[in-house]
Amino acid sequence: MTDEEKEAWIVRCAAQYVKRAEVTPEQGREFAEITYQSCLDMGFELGEPEDEADDDMAEWTDDEGTVT
């Protein structure tokens, strides 16, 4: 993956975090970068960025312990 492709992937992933989790763009970017690196570190093939963000957010819980 080129630097340009990586950047485009992170931008799309960050936008999904912002859209679905209503986080700030800065937080979305941070989450996207972590998601990208985690996929690489675990040896996973990168899927569509929106799907990777959704998969990550599916594991999130709110203060009451329910998945948001």
N, C-alpha and C. Protein backbone atom coordinates (compact mmCIF):
# COMPACT_ATOMS: atom_id res chain seq x y z
N MET A 1 0.86 -1.18 0.00
CA MET A 1 0.00 0.00 0.00
C MET A 1 0.90 1.24 0.00
N THR A 2 0.63 2.13 -0.91
CA THR A 2 1.40 3.37 -0.97
C THR A 2 1.00 4.30 0.17
N ASP A 3 1.80 5.32 0.40
CA ASP A 3 1.46 6.32 1.42
C ASP A 3 0.13 7.00 1.11
N GLU A 4 -0.11 7.25 -0.18
CA GLU A 4 -1.36 7.89 -0.58
C GLU A 4 -2.56 6.97 -0.31
N GLU A 5 -2.40 5.69 -0.60
CA GLU A 5 -3.47 4.73 -0.33
C GLU A 5 -3.73 4.58 1.17
N LYS A 6 -2.65 4.56 1.94
CA LYS A 6 -2.79 4.48 3.39
C LYS A 6 -3.55 5.70 3.91
N GLU A 7 -3.17 6.87 3.45
CA GLU A 7 -3.82 8.10 3.89
C GLU A 7 -5.30 8.09 3.52
N ALA A 8 -5.62 7.67 2.31
CA ALA A 8 -7.02 7.61 1.89
C ALA A 8 -7.81 6.62 2.75
N TRP A 9 -7.21 5.50 3.09
CA TRP A 9 -7.85 4.49 3.94
C TRP A 9 -8.14 5.09 5.31
N ILE A 10 -7.15 5.75 5.89
CA ILE A 10 -7.31 6.35 7.22
C ILE A 10 -8.37 7.44 7.20
N VAL A 11 -8.39 8.26 6.16
CA VAL A 11 -9.39 9.33 6.05
C VAL A 11 -10.81 8.74 6.00
N ARG A 12 -10.99 7.71 5.20
CA ARG A 12 -12.32 7.07 5.11
C ARG A 12 -12.72 6.41 6.42
N CYS A 13 -11.77 5.75 7.05
CA CYS A 13 -12.04 5.09 8.32
C CYS A 13 -12.39 6.13 9.39
N ALA A 14 -11.63 7.20 9.45
CA ALA A 14 -11.89 8.27 10.42
C ALA A 14 -13.27 8.87 10.21
N ALA A 15 -13.66 9.06 8.96
CA ALA A 15 -14.98 9.62 8.67
C ALA A 15 -16.09 8.71 9.19
N GLN A 16 -15.87 7.41 9.13
CA GLN A 16 -16.88 6.48 9.63
C GLN A 16 -17.00 6.58 11.15
N TYR A 17 -15.88 6.72 11.84
CA TYR A 17 -15.94 6.91 13.29
C TYR A 17 -16.69 8.20 13.63
N VAL A 18 -16.40 9.26 12.91
CA VAL A 18 -17.07 10.54 13.16
C VAL A 18 -18.57 10.41 12.92
N LYS A 19 -18.93 9.77 11.83
CA LYS A 19 -20.33 9.61 11.46
C LYS A 19 -21.10 8.74 12.45
N ARG A 20 -20.56 7.59 12.76
CA ARG A 20 -21.29 6.61 13.57
C ARG A 20 -21.16 6.84 15.07
N ALA A 21 -19.98 7.26 15.53
CA ALA A 21 -19.75 7.39 16.97
C ALA A 21 -19.84 8.83 17.45
N GLU A 22 -20.03 9.75 16.51
CA GLU A 22 -20.14 11.17 16.83
C GLU A 22 -18.95 11.66 17.66
N VAL A 23 -17.75 11.23 17.25
CA VAL A 23 -16.52 11.71 17.87
C VAL A 23 -16.00 12.88 17.05
N THR A 24 -15.04 13.59 17.59
CA THR A 24 -14.45 14.70 16.86
C THR A 24 -13.60 14.16 15.70
N PRO A 25 -13.34 14.98 14.70
CA PRO A 25 -12.47 14.53 13.61
C PRO A 25 -11.09 14.08 14.11
N GLU A 26 -10.58 14.76 15.12
CA GLU A 26 -9.29 14.38 15.66
C GLU A 26 -9.35 13.00 16.32
N GLN A 27 -10.42 12.74 17.05
CA GLN A 27 -10.59 11.42 17.67
C GLN A 27 -10.78 10.36 16.59
N GLY A 28 -11.57 10.68 15.58
CA GLY A 28 -11.78 9.74 14.48
C GLY A 28 -10.47 9.37 13.81
N ARG A 29 -9.64 10.35 13.61
CA ARG A 29 -8.32 10.11 12.99
C ARG A 29 -7.47 9.20 13.88
N GLU A 30 -7.48 9.48 15.17
CA GLU A 30 -6.70 8.66 16.10
C GLU A 30 -7.20 7.22 16.10
N PHE A 31 -8.51 7.03 16.16
CA PHE A 31 -9.08 5.69 16.13
C PHE A 31 -8.73 4.97 14.83
N ALA A 32 -8.81 5.70 13.73
CA ALA A 32 -8.51 5.10 12.42
C ALA A 32 -7.05 4.66 12.33
N GLU A 33 -6.15 5.49 12.83
CA GLU A 33 -4.73 5.13 12.81
C GLU A 33 -4.47 3.90 13.67
N ILE A 34 -5.13 3.82 14.81
CA ILE A 34 -4.99 2.65 15.69
C ILE A 34 -5.56 1.42 15.00
N THR A 35 -6.71 1.55 14.36
CA THR A 35 -7.33 0.43 13.66
C THR A 35 -6.42 -0.06 12.54
N TYR A 36 -5.88 0.86 11.78
CA TYR A 36 -4.97 0.50 10.68
C TYR A 36 -3.77 -0.28 11.22
N GLN A 37 -3.12 0.26 12.23
CA GLN A 37 -1.93 -0.38 12.77
C GLN A 37 -2.26 -1.72 13.42
N SER A 38 -3.39 -1.80 14.09
CA SER A 38 -3.79 -3.06 14.73
C SER A 38 -4.00 -4.16 13.69
N CYS A 39 -4.62 -3.82 12.59
CA CYS A 39 -4.82 -4.81 11.52
C CYS A 39 -3.47 -5.32 11.01
N LEU A 40 -2.54 -4.41 10.81
CA LEU A 40 -1.23 -4.81 10.32
C LEU A 40 -0.49 -5.64 11.36
N ASP A 41 -0.53 -5.20 12.62
CA ASP A 41 0.18 -5.90 13.69
C ASP A 41 -0.33 -7.33 13.88
N MET A 42 -1.61 -7.53 13.67
CA MET A 42 -2.20 -8.86 13.85
C MET A 42 -2.15 -9.70 12.58
N GLY A 43 -1.61 -9.12 11.52
CA GLY A 43 -1.47 -9.85 10.27
C GLY A 43 -2.75 -9.99 9.47
N PHE A 44 -3.73 -9.14 9.78
CA PHE A 44 -5.00 -9.18 9.06
C PHE A 44 -4.89 -8.42 7.75
N GLU A 45 -5.60 -8.89 6.76
CA GLU A 45 -5.72 -8.14 5.51
C GLU A 45 -6.68 -6.98 5.77
N LEU A 46 -6.30 -5.81 5.32
CA LEU A 46 -7.17 -4.65 5.52
C LEU A 46 -8.42 -4.78 4.68
N GLY A 47 -9.56 -4.66 5.33
CA GLY A 47 -10.82 -4.63 4.61
C GLY A 47 -11.17 -3.19 4.26
N GLU A 48 -12.40 -3.00 3.84
CA GLU A 48 -12.86 -1.65 3.57
C GLU A 48 -12.78 -0.85 4.88
N PRO A 49 -12.31 0.38 4.83
CA PRO A 49 -12.11 1.15 6.06
C PRO A 49 -13.39 1.33 6.87
N GLU A 50 -14.50 1.53 6.19
CA GLU A 50 -15.77 1.71 6.91
C GLU A 50 -16.15 0.43 7.66
N ASP A 51 -15.90 -0.72 7.03
CA ASP A 51 -16.19 -2.00 7.68
C ASP A 51 -15.28 -2.24 8.88
N GLU A 52 -14.02 -1.88 8.74
CA GLU A 52 -13.08 -2.05 9.86
C GLU A 52 -13.49 -1.16 11.03
N ALA A 53 -13.90 0.07 10.76
CA ALA A 53 -14.36 0.96 11.83
C ALA A 53 -15.62 0.39 12.47
N ASP A 54 -16.55 -0.10 11.67
CA ASP A 54 -17.79 -0.68 12.21
C ASP A 54 -17.49 -1.90 13.07
N ASP A 55 -16.57 -2.74 12.62
CA ASP A 55 -16.19 -3.92 13.41
C ASP A 55 -15.61 -3.50 14.76
N ASP A 56 -14.76 -2.48 14.74
CA ASP A 56 -14.18 -1.99 15.98
C ASP A 56 -15.26 -1.43 16.90
N MET A 57 -16.13 -0.60 16.36
CA MET A 57 -17.16 0.03 17.19
C MET A 57 -18.17 -0.98 17.73
N ALA A 58 -18.33 -2.10 17.06
CA ALA A 58 -19.24 -3.13 17.54
C ALA A 58 -18.78 -3.71 18.87
N GLU A 59 -17.50 -3.53 19.16
CA GLU A 59 -16.94 -4.02 20.42
C GLU A 59 -17.02 -2.98 21.55
N TRP A 60 -17.37 -1.77 21.22
CA TRP A 60 -17.45 -0.72 22.23
C TRP A 60 -18.66 -0.94 23.12
N THR A 61 -18.56 -0.51 24.35
CA THR A 61 -19.70 -0.54 25.26
C THR A 61 -19.89 0.83 25.87
N ASP A 62 -21.11 1.10 26.30
CA ASP A 62 -21.35 2.37 26.99
C ASP A 62 -21.18 2.14 28.49
N ASP A 63 -21.48 3.14 29.29
CA ASP A 63 -21.29 3.05 30.74
C ASP A 63 -22.16 2.00 31.40
N GLU A 64 -23.22 1.59 30.75
CA GLU A 64 -24.11 0.58 31.33
C GLU A 64 -23.74 -0.82 30.87
N GLY A 65 -22.68 -0.94 30.10
CA GLY A 65 -22.21 -2.25 29.68
C GLY A 65 -22.91 -2.83 28.49
N THR A 66 -23.65 -2.03 27.75
CA THR A 66 -24.32 -2.53 26.56
C THR A 66 -23.58 -2.04 25.33
N VAL A 67 -23.60 -2.82 24.29
CA VAL A 67 -22.94 -2.43 23.07
C VAL A 67 -23.71 -1.31 22.42
N THR A 68 -22.99 -0.27 21.99
CA THR A 68 -23.66 0.88 21.37
C THR A 68 -23.76 0.68 19.89
